[in-house]
Amino acid sequence: MHQILLTLHSINRWLVLASLLYAIGIALSGLRSGRAFSGAHNAVRHITATIAHIQLLLGLSLYMISPVVKFDVAESASAGLVSEHTFFRLIHIALMAIAVVVITIGSARAKRVTPDREKFSTMFVWFAIALLIILAAIPWPFSPLAARPYFRSF
């Protein structure tokens, strides 16, 4: 079960990034061109938020069963200011949850505003903020907090 969750999580994290980048690109394009907010644009908004919610559920499931986030007092005390355990137990999960909340708020607001330009603008701003939060929370291979490879080999 753990392996299945890990595989789904690994695939879906790239879908989150791709869908956010695509939605931000569509929003920016719509702002620049002044075109109407179509059903296709609305579908991208909705699908992006749905993928983010699925990723949050997968991440929370892994968080509950992961040995990486188990608290070890001796190890965390000797690891310095921020250990890998602290990063995954607190920083990563909190920032990713906040990013999904930001995506959800942005998606809901974009759905409810009336003028098309405001729909694009709302989607662009909220999704871009969420993307920045996600990029800050990723355990990049060059990160001093918790280095992880771009792609895992199982």
Protein backbone atom coordinates (compact mmCIF):
# COMPACT_ATOMS: atom_id res chain seq x y z
CA MET A 1 0.00 0.00 0.00
CA HIS A 2 2.83 2.36 0.89
CA GLN A 3 4.49 1.76 -2.48
CA ILE A 4 1.27 2.46 -4.38
CA LEU A 5 0.73 5.73 -2.50
CA LEU A 6 4.34 6.72 -3.13
CA THR A 7 4.02 6.03 -6.85
CA LEU A 8 0.73 7.94 -7.16
CA HIS A 9 2.18 10.82 -5.15
CA SER A 10 5.27 10.97 -7.36
CA ILE A 11 3.22 11.07 -10.56
CA ASN A 12 0.62 13.49 -9.24
CA ARG A 13 3.16 16.03 -7.94
CA TRP A 14 4.28 16.62 -11.51
CA LEU A 15 0.65 16.91 -12.60
CA VAL A 16 0.13 19.61 -9.94
CA LEU A 17 3.09 21.61 -11.21
CA ALA A 18 2.14 21.14 -14.87
CA SER A 19 -1.52 22.05 -14.32
CA LEU A 20 -0.59 25.13 -12.26
CA LEU A 21 1.86 26.32 -14.91
CA TYR A 22 -0.72 25.70 -17.64
CA ALA A 23 -3.49 27.50 -15.71
CA ILE A 24 -1.20 30.45 -14.96
CA GLY A 25 -0.22 30.60 -18.65
CA ILE A 26 -3.87 30.55 -19.72
CA ALA A 27 -4.74 33.25 -17.20
CA LEU A 28 -1.86 35.45 -18.32
CA SER A 29 -2.77 34.91 -21.97
CA GLY A 30 -6.40 35.76 -21.25
CA LEU A 31 -5.39 38.93 -19.42
CA ARG A 32 -3.18 40.07 -22.27
CA SER A 33 -5.59 39.25 -25.08
CA GLY A 34 -8.81 40.37 -23.40
CA ARG A 35 -10.68 37.31 -24.64
CA ALA A 36 -13.73 35.79 -22.98
CA PHE A 37 -13.38 33.31 -20.12
CA SER A 38 -14.68 30.17 -21.81
CA GLY A 39 -15.85 26.80 -20.58
CA ALA A 40 -12.41 25.40 -21.43
CA HIS A 41 -10.78 28.00 -19.18
CA ASN A 42 -13.20 27.12 -16.43
CA ALA A 43 -12.38 23.43 -16.87
CA VAL A 44 -8.65 24.15 -16.52
CA ARG A 45 -9.36 26.12 -13.32
CA HIS A 46 -11.45 23.28 -11.91
CA ILE A 47 -9.09 20.47 -12.96
CA THR A 48 -6.09 22.30 -11.50
CA ALA A 49 -7.83 22.64 -8.14
CA THR A 50 -8.97 19.01 -8.24
CA ILE A 51 -5.45 17.73 -8.96
CA ALA A 52 -4.13 19.82 -6.06
CA HIS A 53 -6.76 18.36 -3.73
CA ILE A 54 -5.90 14.82 -4.79
CA GLN A 55 -2.22 15.56 -4.15
CA LEU A 56 -3.05 16.90 -0.69
CA LEU A 57 -4.93 13.70 0.16
CA LEU A 58 -2.09 11.53 -1.15
CA GLY A 59 0.44 13.62 0.76
CA LEU A 60 -1.53 13.44 4.00
CA SER A 61 -1.87 9.68 3.59
CA LEU A 62 1.88 9.32 3.16
CA TYR A 63 2.49 11.72 6.03
CA MET A 64 0.54 9.46 8.38
CA ILE A 65 2.52 6.33 7.53
CA SER A 66 5.95 7.74 6.65
CA PRO A 67 8.97 6.80 8.77
CA VAL A 68 10.63 10.07 7.68
CA VAL A 69 8.28 12.16 9.82
CA LYS A 70 8.49 10.02 12.96
CA PHE A 71 9.77 12.19 15.77
CA ASP A 72 13.13 11.20 17.18
CA VAL A 73 14.22 13.54 19.99
CA ALA A 74 17.87 12.47 19.97
CA GLU A 75 18.26 12.85 16.23
CA SER A 76 16.45 16.18 15.99
CA ALA A 77 18.50 17.66 18.86
CA SER A 78 21.80 16.76 17.20
CA ALA A 79 20.77 17.75 13.67
CA GLY A 80 21.06 21.50 14.14
CA LEU A 81 18.42 24.16 13.62
CA VAL A 82 16.33 22.42 10.94
CA SER A 83 16.67 18.70 10.38
CA GLU A 84 15.12 16.62 7.63
CA HIS A 85 12.57 15.40 10.19
CA THR A 86 11.62 18.96 11.07
CA PHE A 87 11.37 19.91 7.41
CA PHE A 88 8.96 17.08 6.56
CA ARG A 89 7.08 17.06 9.88
CA LEU A 90 6.37 20.79 9.94
CA ILE A 91 7.56 22.97 7.09
CA HIS A 92 6.76 20.86 4.02
CA ILE A 93 3.32 19.70 5.11
CA ALA A 94 2.26 23.14 6.35
CA LEU A 95 3.37 24.99 3.22
CA MET A 96 1.82 22.42 0.89
CA ALA A 97 -1.48 22.54 2.77
CA ILE A 98 -1.41 26.35 2.64
CA ALA A 99 -0.73 26.20 -1.11
CA VAL A 100 -3.77 23.97 -1.66
CA VAL A 101 -5.89 26.35 0.41
CA VAL A 102 -4.64 29.26 -1.74
CA ILE A 103 -5.49 27.30 -4.91
CA THR A 104 -8.95 26.52 -3.54
CA ILE A 105 -9.65 30.14 -2.62
CA GLY A 106 -8.37 31.36 -5.99
CA SER A 107 -10.44 28.79 -7.86
CA ALA A 108 -13.61 29.66 -5.91
CA ARG A 109 -13.10 33.40 -6.35
CA ALA A 110 -12.38 33.04 -10.09
CA LYS A 111 -15.55 31.01 -10.44
CA ARG A 112 -17.67 33.66 -8.72
CA VAL A 113 -16.43 36.95 -10.18
CA THR A 114 -18.39 38.20 -13.16
CA PRO A 115 -16.13 40.09 -15.58
CA ASP A 116 -13.92 37.80 -17.65
CA ARG A 117 -10.84 39.94 -17.07
CA GLU A 118 -11.31 39.59 -13.30
CA LYS A 119 -11.68 35.81 -13.68
CA PHE A 120 -8.31 35.62 -15.46
CA SER A 121 -6.73 38.07 -13.04
CA THR A 122 -7.98 36.23 -9.95
CA MET A 123 -6.87 32.88 -11.31
CA PHE A 124 -3.45 34.26 -12.25
CA VAL A 125 -2.72 35.93 -8.90
CA TRP A 126 -3.93 33.14 -6.60
CA PHE A 127 -2.44 30.29 -8.62
CA ALA A 128 0.90 32.12 -8.97
CA ILE A 129 1.04 32.67 -5.19
CA ALA A 130 0.31 28.98 -4.65
CA LEU A 131 3.02 28.02 -7.13
CA LEU A 132 5.56 30.15 -5.28
CA ILE A 133 4.59 28.52 -1.97
CA ILE A 134 4.92 25.07 -3.53
CA LEU A 135 8.32 25.90 -5.00
CA ALA A 136 9.49 27.05 -1.56
CA ALA A 137 8.27 23.81 0.05
CA ILE A 138 9.79 21.36 -2.42
CA PRO A 139 12.78 19.39 -1.08
CA TRP A 140 15.03 20.29 -4.00
CA PRO A 141 18.19 18.22 -4.62
CA PHE A 142 20.28 21.32 -3.78
CA SER A 143 18.33 22.17 -0.59
CA PRO A 144 20.28 22.23 2.67
CA LEU A 145 17.10 21.29 4.57
CA ALA A 146 16.08 18.05 2.86
CA ALA A 147 17.62 17.07 -0.45
CA ARG A 148 15.57 14.69 -2.60
CA PRO A 149 16.10 13.63 -6.22
CA TYR A 150 13.88 15.05 -8.97
CA PHE A 151 12.77 11.54 -9.91
CA ARG A 152 12.81 8.57 -7.56
CA SER A 153 13.80 5.11 -8.65
CA PHE A 154 11.68 2.57 -6.86
